[in-house]
PDB file of N, CA and C in Angstrom:
ATOM      1  N   MET A   1     -23.784 -64.840 -24.546  1.00  0.00           N
ATOM      2  CA  MET A   1     -22.840 -64.800 -25.651  1.00  0.00           C
ATOM      3  C   MET A   1     -23.404 -63.941 -26.786  1.00  0.00           C
ATOM      4  N   SER A   2     -22.563 -63.098 -27.350  1.00  0.00           N
ATOM      5  CA  SER A   2     -22.959 -62.208 -28.426  1.00  0.00           C
ATOM      6  C   SER A   2     -23.230 -62.985 -29.708  1.00  0.00           C
ATOM      7  N   ARG A   3     -24.285 -62.599 -30.388  1.00  0.00           N
ATOM      8  CA  ARG A   3     -24.617 -63.213 -31.676  1.00  0.00           C
ATOM      9  C   ARG A   3     -24.562 -62.135 -32.757  1.00  0.00           C
ATOM     10  N   LYS A   4     -23.422 -61.422 -32.757  1.00  0.00           N
ATOM     11  CA  LYS A   4     -23.206 -60.359 -33.729  1.00  0.00           C
ATOM     12  C   LYS A   4     -21.982 -60.704 -34.567  1.00  0.00           C
ATOM     13  N   ALA A   5     -22.111 -60.581 -35.860  1.00  0.00           N
ATOM     14  CA  ALA A   5     -20.968 -60.766 -36.753  1.00  0.00           C
ATOM     15  C   ALA A   5     -20.463 -59.399 -37.173  1.00  0.00           C
ATOM     16  N   LYS A   6     -19.165 -59.205 -37.021  1.00  0.00           N
ATOM     17  CA  LYS A   6     -18.518 -57.970 -37.428  1.00  0.00           C
ATOM     18  C   LYS A   6     -17.453 -58.331 -38.457  1.00  0.00           C
ATOM     19  N   ILE A   7     -17.617 -57.798 -39.660  1.00  0.00           N
ATOM     20  CA  ILE A   7     -16.720 -58.154 -40.762  1.00  0.00           C
ATOM     21  C   ILE A   7     -16.071 -56.888 -41.313  1.00  0.00           C
ATOM     22  N   LEU A   8     -14.753 -56.891 -41.348  1.00  0.00           N
ATOM     23  CA  LEU A   8     -13.987 -55.812 -41.965  1.00  0.00           C
ATOM     24  C   LEU A   8     -13.622 -56.285 -43.377  1.00  0.00           C
ATOM     25  N   TRP A   9     -14.195 -55.640 -44.386  1.00  0.00           N
ATOM     26  CA  TRP A   9     -14.022 -56.038 -45.792  1.00  0.00           C
ATOM     27  C   TRP A   9     -13.091 -55.048 -46.467  1.00  0.00           C
ATOM     28  N   THR A  10     -11.887 -55.511 -46.826  1.00  0.00           N
ATOM     29  CA  THR A  10     -10.914 -54.644 -47.477  1.00  0.00           C
ATOM     30  C   THR A  10     -10.471 -55.147 -48.850  1.00  0.00           C
ATOM     31  N   THR A  11     -10.716 -56.404 -49.154  1.00  0.00           N
ATOM     32  CA  THR A  11     -10.208 -56.968 -50.406  1.00  0.00           C
ATOM     33  C   THR A  11     -11.030 -56.516 -51.607  1.00  0.00           C
ATOM     34  N   ASP A  12     -10.346 -56.363 -52.730  1.00  0.00           N
ATOM     35  CA  ASP A  12     -11.039 -56.103 -53.985  1.00  0.00           C
ATOM     36  C   ASP A  12     -11.089 -57.366 -54.843  1.00  0.00           C
ATOM     37  N   ASN A  13     -10.730 -58.498 -54.252  1.00  0.00           N
ATOM     38  CA  ASN A  13     -10.814 -59.765 -54.973  1.00  0.00           C
ATOM     39  C   ASN A  13     -12.286 -60.153 -55.095  1.00  0.00           C
ATOM     40  N   LYS A  14     -12.772 -60.209 -56.318  1.00  0.00           N
ATOM     41  CA  LYS A  14     -14.203 -60.441 -56.558  1.00  0.00           C
ATOM     42  C   LYS A  14     -14.663 -61.797 -56.032  1.00  0.00           C
ATOM     43  N   GLU A  15     -13.897 -62.836 -56.280  1.00  0.00           N
ATOM     44  CA  GLU A  15     -14.297 -64.174 -55.862  1.00  0.00           C
ATOM     45  C   GLU A  15     -14.389 -64.267 -54.338  1.00  0.00           C
ATOM     46  N   THR A  16     -13.409 -63.737 -53.650  1.00  0.00           N
ATOM     47  CA  THR A  16     -13.439 -63.740 -52.192  1.00  0.00           C
ATOM     48  C   THR A  16     -14.590 -62.887 -51.681  1.00  0.00           C
ATOM     49  N   SER A  17     -14.814 -61.767 -52.314  1.00  0.00           N
ATOM     50  CA  SER A  17     -15.896 -60.883 -51.898  1.00  0.00           C
ATOM     51  C   SER A  17     -17.258 -61.548 -52.055  1.00  0.00           C
ATOM     52  N   LEU A  18     -17.487 -62.189 -53.200  1.00  0.00           N
ATOM     53  CA  LEU A  18     -18.774 -62.838 -53.440  1.00  0.00           C
ATOM     54  C   LEU A  18     -18.941 -64.111 -52.628  1.00  0.00           C
ATOM     55  N   HIS A  19     -17.881 -64.940 -52.602  1.00  0.00           N
ATOM     56  CA  HIS A  19     -18.003 -66.291 -52.040  1.00  0.00           C
ATOM     57  C   HIS A  19     -17.599 -66.411 -50.583  1.00  0.00           C
ATOM     58  N   MET A  20     -17.179 -65.306 -49.971  1.00  0.00           N
ATOM     59  CA  MET A  20     -16.934 -65.315 -48.529  1.00  0.00           C
ATOM     60  C   MET A  20     -17.715 -64.192 -47.880  1.00  0.00           C
ATOM     61  N   VAL A  21     -17.335 -62.946 -48.155  1.00  0.00           N
ATOM     62  CA  VAL A  21     -17.951 -61.811 -47.466  1.00  0.00           C
ATOM     63  C   VAL A  21     -19.457 -61.776 -47.702  1.00  0.00           C
ATOM     64  N   CYS A  22     -19.875 -61.681 -48.950  1.00  0.00           N
ATOM     65  CA  CYS A  22     -21.307 -61.559 -49.248  1.00  0.00           C
ATOM     66  C   CYS A  22     -22.068 -62.828 -48.886  1.00  0.00           C
ATOM     67  N   LEU A  23     -21.529 -63.963 -49.222  1.00  0.00           N
ATOM     68  CA  LEU A  23     -22.211 -65.230 -48.947  1.00  0.00           C
ATOM     69  C   LEU A  23     -22.406 -65.436 -47.449  1.00  0.00           C
ATOM     70  N   TYR A  24     -21.331 -65.303 -46.686  1.00  0.00           N
ATOM     71  CA  TYR A  24     -21.447 -65.533 -45.241  1.00  0.00           C
ATOM     72  C   TYR A  24     -22.303 -64.462 -44.564  1.00  0.00           C
ATOM     73  N   ALA A  25     -22.015 -63.199 -44.841  1.00  0.00           N
ATOM     74  CA  ALA A  25     -22.734 -62.117 -44.158  1.00  0.00           C
ATOM     75  C   ALA A  25     -24.235 -62.225 -44.407  1.00  0.00           C
ATOM     76  N   HIS A  26     -24.608 -62.485 -45.628  1.00  0.00           N
ATOM     77  CA  HIS A  26     -26.033 -62.568 -45.967  1.00  0.00           C
ATOM     78  C   HIS A  26     -26.682 -63.792 -45.317  1.00  0.00           C
ATOM     79  N   ASN A  27     -26.058 -64.947 -45.478  1.00  0.00           N
ATOM     80  CA  ASN A  27     -26.630 -66.174 -44.923  1.00  0.00           C
ATOM     81  C   ASN A  27     -26.631 -66.186 -43.398  1.00  0.00           C
ATOM     82  N   ALA A  28     -25.635 -65.585 -42.779  1.00  0.00           N
ATOM     83  CA  ALA A  28     -25.590 -65.554 -41.313  1.00  0.00           C
ATOM     84  C   ALA A  28     -26.833 -64.879 -40.755  1.00  0.00           C
ATOM     85  N   LEU A  29     -27.293 -63.851 -41.434  1.00  0.00           N
ATOM     86  CA  LEU A  29     -28.496 -63.153 -40.985  1.00  0.00           C
ATOM     87  C   LEU A  29     -29.760 -63.903 -41.421  1.00  0.00           C
ATOM     88  N   LEU A  30     -29.830 -64.277 -42.690  1.00  0.00           N
ATOM     89  CA  LEU A  30     -31.037 -64.941 -43.211  1.00  0.00           C
ATOM     90  C   LEU A  30     -31.327 -66.276 -42.533  1.00  0.00           C
ATOM     91  N   LYS A  31     -30.289 -67.024 -42.229  1.00  0.00           N
ATOM     92  CA  LYS A  31     -30.459 -68.355 -41.653  1.00  0.00           C
ATOM     93  C   LYS A  31     -30.453 -68.349 -40.119  1.00  0.00           C
ATOM     94  N   GLY A  32     -30.299 -67.160 -39.536  1.00  0.00           N
ATOM     95  CA  GLY A  32     -30.361 -67.036 -38.090  1.00  0.00           C
ATOM     96  C   GLY A  32     -29.116 -67.499 -37.349  1.00  0.00           C
ATOM     97  N   TRP A  33     -28.002 -67.623 -38.056  1.00  0.00           N
ATOM     98  CA  TRP A  33     -26.750 -67.987 -37.381  1.00  0.00           C
ATOM     99  C   TRP A  33     -26.293 -66.842 -36.475  1.00  0.00           C
ATOM    100  N   MET A  34     -26.624 -65.626 -36.887  1.00  0.00           N
ATOM    101  CA  MET A  34     -26.314 -64.419 -36.133  1.00  0.00           C
ATOM    102  C   MET A  34     -27.563 -63.551 -36.068  1.00  0.00           C
ATOM    103  N   ASP A  35     -27.700 -62.800 -34.976  1.00  0.00           N
ATOM    104  CA  ASP A  35     -28.827 -61.886 -34.839  1.00  0.00           C
ATOM    105  C   ASP A  35     -28.570 -60.572 -35.574  1.00  0.00           C
ATOM    106  N   GLU A  36     -27.313 -60.174 -35.635  1.00  0.00           N
ATOM    107  CA  GLU A  36     -26.924 -58.936 -36.308  1.00  0.00           C
ATOM    108  C   GLU A  36     -25.651 -59.178 -37.099  1.00  0.00           C
ATOM    109  N   VAL A  37     -25.585 -58.566 -38.268  1.00  0.00           N
ATOM    110  CA  VAL A  37     -24.381 -58.635 -39.094  1.00  0.00           C
ATOM    111  C   VAL A  37     -24.051 -57.222 -39.542  1.00  0.00           C
ATOM    112  N   GLU A  38     -22.809 -56.815 -39.264  1.00  0.00           N
ATOM    113  CA  GLU A  38     -22.343 -55.494 -39.675  1.00  0.00           C
ATOM    114  C   GLU A  38     -21.051 -55.660 -40.462  1.00  0.00           C
ATOM    115  N   VAL A  39     -21.020 -55.018 -41.624  1.00  0.00           N
ATOM    116  CA  VAL A  39     -19.852 -55.091 -42.498  1.00  0.00           C
ATOM    117  C   VAL A  39     -19.281 -53.690 -42.653  1.00  0.00           C
ATOM    118  N   LEU A  40     -18.001 -53.556 -42.352  1.00  0.00           N
ATOM    119  CA  LEU A  40     -17.275 -52.299 -42.536  1.00  0.00           C
ATOM    120  C   LEU A  40     -16.475 -52.411 -43.832  1.00  0.00           C
ATOM    121  N   VAL A  41     -16.819 -51.581 -44.806  1.00  0.00           N
ATOM    122  CA  VAL A  41     -16.182 -51.586 -46.125  1.00  0.00           C
ATOM    123  C   VAL A  41     -15.086 -50.532 -46.106  1.00  0.00           C
ATOM    124  N   TRP A  42     -13.857 -50.983 -46.329  1.00  0.00           N
ATOM    125  CA  TRP A  42     -12.719 -50.082 -46.172  1.00  0.00           C
ATOM    126  C   TRP A  42     -11.740 -50.316 -47.323  1.00  0.00           C
ATOM    127  N   GLY A  43     -11.290 -49.246 -47.942  1.00  0.00           N
ATOM    128  CA  GLY A  43     -10.250 -49.348 -48.953  1.00  0.00           C
ATOM    129  C   GLY A  43     -10.733 -49.913 -50.282  1.00  0.00           C
ATOM    130  N   ALA A  44      -9.944 -50.843 -50.832  1.00  0.00           N
ATOM    131  CA  ALA A  44     -10.150 -51.349 -52.187  1.00  0.00           C
ATOM    132  C   ALA A  44     -11.519 -51.983 -52.410  1.00  0.00           C
ATOM    133  N   SER A  45     -12.118 -52.529 -51.377  1.00  0.00           N
ATOM    134  CA  SER A  45     -13.446 -53.135 -51.513  1.00  0.00           C
ATOM    135  C   SER A  45     -14.487 -52.098 -51.942  1.00  0.00           C
ATOM    136  N   GLN A  46     -14.260 -50.854 -51.588  1.00  0.00           N
ATOM    137  CA  GLN A  46     -15.197 -49.792 -51.967  1.00  0.00           C
ATOM    138  C   GLN A  46     -15.255 -49.625 -53.482  1.00  0.00           C
ATOM    139  N   ARG A  47     -14.105 -49.649 -54.119  1.00  0.00           N
ATOM    140  CA  ARG A  47     -14.072 -49.521 -55.579  1.00  0.00           C
ATOM    141  C   ARG A  47     -14.757 -50.715 -56.235  1.00  0.00           C
ATOM    142  N   LEU A  48     -14.540 -51.903 -55.693  1.00  0.00           N
ATOM    143  CA  LEU A  48     -15.185 -53.099 -56.238  1.00  0.00           C
ATOM    144  C   LEU A  48     -16.703 -52.953 -56.200  1.00  0.00           C
ATOM    145  N   ILE A  49     -17.238 -52.509 -55.082  1.00  0.00           N
ATOM    146  CA  ILE A  49     -18.687 -52.324 -54.954  1.00  0.00           C
ATOM    147  C   ILE A  49     -19.185 -51.267 -55.938  1.00  0.00           C
ATOM    148  N   ALA A  50     -18.459 -50.180 -56.061  1.00  0.00           N
ATOM    149  CA  ALA A  50     -18.886 -49.072 -56.922  1.00  0.00           C
ATOM    150  C   ALA A  50     -18.835 -49.436 -58.404  1.00  0.00           C
ATOM    151  N   GLU A  51     -17.882 -50.274 -58.792  1.00  0.00           N
ATOM    152  CA  GLU A  51     -17.651 -50.514 -60.217  1.00  0.00           C
ATOM    153  C   GLU A  51     -18.148 -51.857 -60.739  1.00  0.00           C
ATOM    154  N   ASP A  52     -18.393 -52.829 -59.887  1.00  0.00           N
ATOM    155  CA  ASP A  52     -18.801 -54.157 -60.348  1.00  0.00           C
ATOM    156  C   ASP A  52     -20.305 -54.345 -60.102  1.00  0.00           C
ATOM    157  N   THR A  53     -21.076 -54.473 -61.144  1.00  0.00           N
ATOM    158  CA  THR A  53     -22.533 -54.539 -61.005  1.00  0.00           C
ATOM    159  C   THR A  53     -22.997 -55.782 -60.251  1.00  0.00           C
ATOM    160  N   GLU A  54     -22.301 -56.899 -60.398  1.00  0.00           N
ATOM    161  CA  GLU A  54     -22.699 -58.116 -59.683  1.00  0.00           C
ATOM    162  C   GLU A  54     -22.470 -57.962 -58.182  1.00  0.00           C
ATOM    163  N   VAL A  55     -21.330 -57.449 -57.797  1.00  0.00           N
ATOM    164  CA  VAL A  55     -21.024 -57.240 -56.382  1.00  0.00           C
ATOM    165  C   VAL A  55     -21.975 -56.195 -55.807  1.00  0.00           C
ATOM    166  N   ARG A  56     -22.200 -55.136 -56.539  1.00  0.00           N
ATOM    167  CA  ARG A  56     -23.123 -54.078 -56.077  1.00  0.00           C
ATOM    168  C   ARG A  56     -24.519 -54.647 -55.827  1.00  0.00           C
ATOM    169  N   ALA A  57     -25.001 -55.479 -56.737  1.00  0.00           N
ATOM    170  CA  ALA A  57     -26.332 -56.083 -56.572  1.00  0.00           C
ATOM    171  C   ALA A  57     -26.388 -56.952 -55.322  1.00  0.00           C
ATOM    172  N   LYS A  58     -25.322 -57.690 -55.044  1.00  0.00           N
ATOM    173  CA  LYS A  58     -25.274 -58.515 -53.828  1.00  0.00           C
ATOM    174  C   LYS A  58     -25.317 -57.636 -52.585  1.00  0.00           C
ATOM    175  N   VAL A  59     -24.561 -56.552 -52.604  1.00  0.00           N
ATOM    176  CA  VAL A  59     -24.539 -55.624 -51.465  1.00  0.00           C
ATOM    177  C   VAL A  59     -25.925 -55.024 -51.244  1.00  0.00           C
ATOM    178  N   GLU A  60     -26.568 -54.598 -52.311  1.00  0.00           N
ATOM    179  CA  GLU A  60     -27.906 -54.017 -52.187  1.00  0.00           C
ATOM    180  C   GLU A  60     -28.899 -55.034 -51.622  1.00  0.00           C
ATOM    181  N   ALA A  61     -28.804 -56.295 -52.050  1.00  0.00           N
ATOM    182  CA  ALA A  61     -29.690 -57.347 -51.526  1.00  0.00           C
ATOM    183  C   ALA A  61     -29.425 -57.588 -50.044  1.00  0.00           C
ATOM    184  N   MET A  62     -28.157 -57.586 -49.653  1.00  0.00           N
ATOM    185  CA  MET A  62     -27.806 -57.776 -48.249  1.00  0.00           C
ATOM    186  C   MET A  62     -28.401 -56.669 -47.388  1.00  0.00           C
ATOM    187  N   ILE A  63     -28.259 -55.440 -47.841  1.00  0.00           N
ATOM    188  CA  ILE A  63     -28.785 -54.290 -47.097  1.00  0.00           C
ATOM    189  C   ILE A  63     -30.303 -54.399 -46.994  1.00  0.00           C
ATOM    190  N   LYS A  64     -30.947 -54.747 -48.084  1.00  0.00           N
ATOM    191  CA  LYS A  64     -32.408 -54.892 -48.090  1.00  0.00           C
ATOM    192  C   LYS A  64     -32.864 -55.919 -47.058  1.00  0.00           C
ATOM    193  N   ASP A  65     -32.058 -56.961 -46.863  1.00  0.00           N
ATOM    194  CA  ASP A  65     -32.409 -58.034 -45.937  1.00  0.00           C
ATOM    195  C   ASP A  65     -31.935 -57.779 -44.504  1.00  0.00           C
ATOM    196  N   GLY A  66     -31.314 -56.618 -44.254  1.00  0.00           N
ATOM    197  CA  GLY A  66     -30.987 -56.244 -42.887  1.00  0.00           C
ATOM    198  C   GLY A  66     -29.530 -56.268 -42.486  1.00  0.00           C
ATOM    199  N   VAL A  67     -28.623 -56.614 -43.405  1.00  0.00           N
ATOM    200  CA  VAL A  67     -27.195 -56.533 -43.088  1.00  0.00           C
ATOM    201  C   VAL A  67     -26.818 -55.056 -43.047  1.00  0.00           C
ATOM    202  N   LYS A  68     -26.179 -54.641 -41.966  1.00  0.00           N
ATOM    203  CA  LYS A  68     -25.750 -53.244 -41.834  1.00  0.00           C
ATOM    204  C   LYS A  68     -24.417 -53.089 -42.554  1.00  0.00           C
ATOM    205  N   MET A  69     -24.370 -52.163 -43.503  1.00  0.00           N
ATOM    206  CA  MET A  69     -23.153 -51.911 -44.270  1.00  0.00           C
ATOM    207  C   MET A  69     -22.727 -50.472 -44.035  1.00  0.00           C
ATOM    208  N   VAL A  70     -21.474 -50.293 -43.627  1.00  0.00           N
ATOM    209  CA  VAL A  70     -20.910 -48.964 -43.423  1.00  0.00           C
ATOM    210  C   VAL A  70     -19.585 -48.894 -44.166  1.00  0.00           C
ATOM    211  N   ALA A  71     -19.211 -47.694 -44.564  1.00  0.00           N
ATOM    212  CA  ALA A  71     -17.963 -47.516 -45.307  1.00  0.00           C
ATOM    213  C   ALA A  71     -17.201 -46.322 -44.775  1.00  0.00           C
ATOM    214  N   CYS A  72     -15.897 -46.409 -44.893  1.00  0.00           N
ATOM    215  CA  CYS A  72     -15.001 -45.346 -44.459  1.00  0.00           C
ATOM    216  C   CYS A  72     -15.110 -44.134 -45.387  1.00  0.00           C
ATOM    217  N   LEU A  73     -15.502 -42.999 -44.823  1.00  0.00           N
ATOM    218  CA  LEU A  73     -15.656 -41.775 -45.606  1.00  0.00           C
ATOM    219  C   LEU A  73     -14.319 -41.285 -46.159  1.00  0.00           C
ATOM    220  N   LYS A  74     -13.258 -41.376 -45.384  1.00  0.00           N
ATOM    221  CA  LYS A  74     -11.946 -40.911 -45.853  1.00  0.00           C
ATOM    222  C   LYS A  74     -11.533 -41.664 -47.111  1.00  0.00           C
ATOM    223  N   CYS A  75     -11.648 -42.995 -47.074  1.00  0.00           N
ATOM    224  CA  CYS A  75     -11.308 -43.812 -48.247  1.00  0.00           C
ATOM    225  C   CYS A  75     -12.216 -43.457 -49.418  1.00  0.00           C
ATOM    226  N   ALA A  76     -13.513 -43.385 -49.153  1.00  0.00           N
ATOM    227  CA  ALA A  76     -14.487 -43.116 -50.211  1.00  0.00           C
ATOM    228  C   ALA A  76     -14.244 -41.748 -50.855  1.00  0.00           C
ATOM    229  N   ASP A  77     -13.984 -40.743 -50.041  1.00  0.00           N
ATOM    230  CA  ASP A  77     -13.713 -39.417 -50.595  1.00  0.00           C
ATOM    231  C   ASP A  77     -12.422 -39.399 -51.408  1.00  0.00           C
ATOM    232  N   THR A  78     -11.397 -40.068 -50.896  1.00  0.00           N
ATOM    233  CA  THR A  78     -10.112 -40.116 -51.598  1.00  0.00           C
ATOM    234  C   THR A  78     -10.266 -40.757 -52.976  1.00  0.00           C
ATOM    235  N   MET A  79     -11.108 -41.791 -53.062  1.00  0.00           N
ATOM    236  CA  MET A  79     -11.320 -42.497 -54.332  1.00  0.00           C
ATOM    237  C   MET A  79     -12.525 -41.958 -55.107  1.00  0.00           C
ATOM    238  N   GLU A  80     -13.147 -40.888 -54.596  1.00  0.00           N
ATOM    239  CA  GLU A  80     -14.311 -40.266 -55.224  1.00  0.00           C
ATOM    240  C   GLU A  80     -15.454 -41.265 -55.424  1.00  0.00           C
ATOM    241  N   LEU A  81     -15.767 -42.000 -54.341  1.00  0.00           N
ATOM    242  CA  LEU A  81     -16.788 -43.050 -54.403  1.00  0.00           C
ATOM    243  C   LEU A  81     -17.939 -42.833 -53.424  1.00  0.00           C
ATOM    244  N   SER A  82     -17.906 -41.775 -52.636  1.00  0.00           N
ATOM    245  CA  SER A  82     -18.911 -41.575 -51.587  1.00  0.00           C
ATOM    246  C   SER A  82     -20.335 -41.618 -52.129  1.00  0.00           C
ATOM    247  N   THR A  83     -20.607 -40.894 -53.184  1.00  0.00           N
ATOM    248  CA  THR A  83     -21.958 -40.832 -53.740  1.00  0.00           C
ATOM    249  C   THR A  83     -22.405 -42.202 -54.245  1.00  0.00           C
ATOM    250  N   SER A  84     -21.515 -42.902 -54.913  1.00  0.00           N
ATOM    251  CA  SER A  84     -21.851 -44.228 -55.439  1.00  0.00           C
ATOM    252  C   SER A  84     -22.178 -45.206 -54.314  1.00  0.00           C
ATOM    253  N   LEU A  85     -21.396 -45.190 -53.242  1.00  0.00           N
ATOM    254  CA  LEU A  85     -21.640 -46.088 -52.115  1.00  0.00           C
ATOM    255  C   LEU A  85     -22.939 -45.732 -51.403  1.00  0.00           C
ATOM    256  N   GLN A  86     -23.175 -44.459 -51.206  1.00  0.00           N
ATOM    257  CA  GLN A  86     -24.410 -44.024 -50.549  1.00  0.00           C
ATOM    258  C   GLN A  86     -25.631 -44.386 -51.382  1.00  0.00           C
ATOM    259  N   SER A  87     -25.500 -44.325 -52.693  1.00  0.00           N
ATOM    260  CA  SER A  87     -26.655 -44.601 -53.560  1.00  0.00           C
ATOM    261  C   SER A  87     -27.095 -46.062 -53.508  1.00  0.00           C
ATOM    262  N   CYS A  88     -26.235 -46.948 -53.059  1.00  0.00           N
ATOM    263  CA  CYS A  88     -26.667 -48.348 -52.934  1.00  0.00           C
ATOM    264  C   CYS A  88     -27.046 -48.692 -51.491  1.00  0.00           C
ATOM    265  N   GLY A  89     -27.084 -47.682 -50.623  1.00  0.00           N
ATOM    266  CA  GLY A  89     -27.588 -47.897 -49.272  1.00  0.00           C
ATOM    267  C   GLY A  89     -26.547 -48.051 -48.192  1.00  0.00           C
ATOM    268  N   ILE A  90     -25.284 -47.869 -48.527  1.00  0.00           N
ATOM    269  CA  ILE A  90     -24.215 -47.975 -47.540  1.00  0.00           C
ATOM    270  C   ILE A  90     -24.117 -46.657 -46.773  1.00  0.00           C
ATOM    271  N   ASP A  91     -24.008 -46.761 -45.455  1.00  0.00           N
ATOM    272  CA  ASP A  91     -23.836 -45.599 -44.595  1.00  0.00           C
ATOM    273  C   ASP A  91     -22.351 -45.224 -44.620  1.00  0.00           C
ATOM    274  N   VAL A  92     -22.022 -44.040 -45.104  1.00  0.00           N
ATOM    275  CA  VAL A  92     -20.632 -43.622 -45.285  1.00  0.00           C
ATOM    276  C   VAL A  92     -20.289 -42.534 -44.255  1.00  0.00           C
ATOM    277  N   PHE A  93     -19.303 -42.836 -43.408  1.00  0.00           N
ATOM    278  CA  PHE A  93     -18.854 -41.876 -42.397  1.00  0.00           C
ATOM    279  C   PHE A  93     -17.437 -42.242 -41.971  1.00  0.00           C
ATOM    280  N   TYR A  94     -16.793 -41.380 -41.171  1.00  0.00           N
ATOM    281  CA  TYR A  94     -15.449 -41.677 -40.688  1.00  0.00           C
ATOM    282  C   TYR A  94     -15.542 -42.852 -39.720  1.00  0.00           C
ATOM    283  N   THR A  95     -14.822 -43.928 -40.003  1.00  0.00           N
ATOM    284  CA  THR A  95     -15.026 -45.188 -39.285  1.00  0.00           C
ATOM    285  C   THR A  95     -13.851 -45.636 -38.421  1.00  0.00           C
ATOM    286  N   GLY A  96     -12.844 -44.822 -38.287  1.00  0.00           N
ATOM    287  CA  GLY A  96     -11.719 -45.198 -37.430  1.00  0.00           C
ATOM    288  C   GLY A  96     -12.160 -45.466 -36.000  1.00  0.00           C
ATOM    289  N   GLU A  97     -13.037 -44.619 -35.486  1.00  0.00           N
ATOM    290  CA  GLU A  97     -13.541 -44.794 -34.123  1.00  0.00           C
ATOM    291  C   GLU A  97     -14.386 -46.067 -34.013  1.00  0.00           C
ATOM    292  N   LEU A  98     -15.183 -46.358 -35.045  1.00  0.00           N
ATOM    293  CA  LEU A  98     -15.996 -47.576 -35.048  1.00  0.00           C
ATOM    294  C   LEU A  98     -15.112 -48.819 -35.000  1.00  0.00           C
ATOM    295  N   LEU A  99     -14.110 -48.874 -35.871  1.00  0.00           N
ATOM    296  CA  LEU A  99     -13.218 -50.036 -35.879  1.00  0.00           C
ATOM    297  C   LEU A  99     -12.498 -50.165 -34.537  1.00  0.00           C
ATOM    298  N   SER A 100     -12.074 -49.061 -33.971  1.00  0.00           N
ATOM    299  CA  SER A 100     -11.421 -49.107 -32.660  1.00  0.00           C
ATOM    300  C   SER A 100     -12.371 -49.651 -31.595  1.00  0.00           C
ATOM    301  N   ALA A 101     -13.629 -49.255 -31.640  1.00  0.00           N
ATOM    302  CA  ALA A 101     -14.620 -49.771 -30.690  1.00  0.00           C
ATOM    303  C   ALA A 101     -14.811 -51.268 -30.879  1.00  0.00           C
ATOM    304  N   TRP A 102     -14.820 -51.729 -32.128  1.00  0.00           N
ATOM    305  CA  TRP A 102     -14.921 -53.170 -32.391  1.00  0.00           C
ATOM    306  C   TRP A 102     -13.760 -53.901 -31.718  1.00  0.00           C
ATOM    307  N   ILE A 103     -12.561 -53.399 -31.911  1.00  0.00           N
ATOM    308  CA  ILE A 103     -11.368 -54.043 -31.356  1.00  0.00           C
ATOM    309  C   ILE A 103     -11.424 -54.043 -29.830  1.00  0.00           C
ATOM    310  N   HIS A 104     -11.785 -52.914 -29.232  1.00  0.00           N
ATOM    311  CA  HIS A 104     -11.854 -52.798 -27.782  1.00  0.00           C
ATOM    312  C   HIS A 104     -12.965 -53.653 -27.162  1.00  0.00           C
ATOM    313  N   SER A 105     -13.972 -53.988 -27.950  1.00  0.00           N
ATOM    314  CA  SER A 105     -15.107 -54.756 -27.428  1.00  0.00           C
ATOM    315  C   SER A 105     -14.723 -56.179 -27.045  1.00  0.00           C
ATOM    316  N   GLY A 106     -13.633 -56.669 -27.601  1.00  0.00           N
ATOM    317  CA  GLY A 106     -13.228 -58.041 -27.336  1.00  0.00           C
ATOM    318  C   GLY A 106     -13.972 -59.069 -28.166  1.00  0.00           C
ATOM    319  N   GLU A 107     -14.937 -58.619 -28.947  1.00  0.00           N
ATOM    320  CA  GLU A 107     -15.663 -59.526 -29.825  1.00  0.00           C
ATOM    321  C   GLU A 107     -14.799 -59.854 -31.044  1.00  0.00           C
ATOM    322  N   THR A 108     -15.098 -60.943 -31.672  1.00  0.00           N
ATOM    323  CA  THR A 108     -14.352 -61.360 -32.849  1.00  0.00           C
ATOM    324  C   THR A 108     -14.679 -60.449 -34.040  1.00  0.00           C
ATOM    325  N   VAL A 109     -13.652 -60.008 -34.728  1.00  0.00           N
ATOM    326  CA  VAL A 109     -13.804 -59.253 -35.968  1.00  0.00           C
ATOM    327  C   VAL A 109     -13.176 -60.095 -37.072  1.00  0.00           C
ATOM    328  N   VAL A 110     -13.973 -60.443 -38.069  1.00  0.00           N
ATOM    329  CA  VAL A 110     -13.471 -61.186 -39.220  1.00  0.00           C
ATOM    330  C   VAL A 110     -12.958 -60.165 -40.222  1.00  0.00           C
ATOM    331  N   SER A 111     -11.728 -60.339 -40.679  1.00  0.00           N
ATOM    332  CA  SER A 111     -11.123 -59.406 -41.616  1.00  0.00           C
ATOM    333  C   SER A 111     -10.806 -60.117 -42.918  1.00  0.00           C
ATOM    334  N   VAL A 112     -11.340 -59.571 -44.003  1.00  0.00           N
ATOM    335  CA  VAL A 112     -11.140 -60.182 -45.327  1.00  0.00           C
ATOM    336  C   VAL A 112     -10.707 -59.097 -46.300  1.00  0.00           C
TER     337      VAL A 112
END
């Protein structure tokens, strides 16, 4: 059985982002609930990370502790956020193929 968490983060709701996405993704890895945690940041969540210092700090801590964070380059470029996202350690590239691979894998994808 796979012990990988795949989270698609699209919301710009700060409370949901901090108290679900960041809390679960970080703890799942730190507490050993999952062996790997990957978060795909898409759309409005990118602006939240770029503009909110508390959310950004949580994202940076997650990355430091081994959570893999990737972001959609098309969204980031459209919102002029690519440099800001990259500067906090997020890997920014075209992610349509990645999300499609997640879906085709049959593994659970949590979408928030």
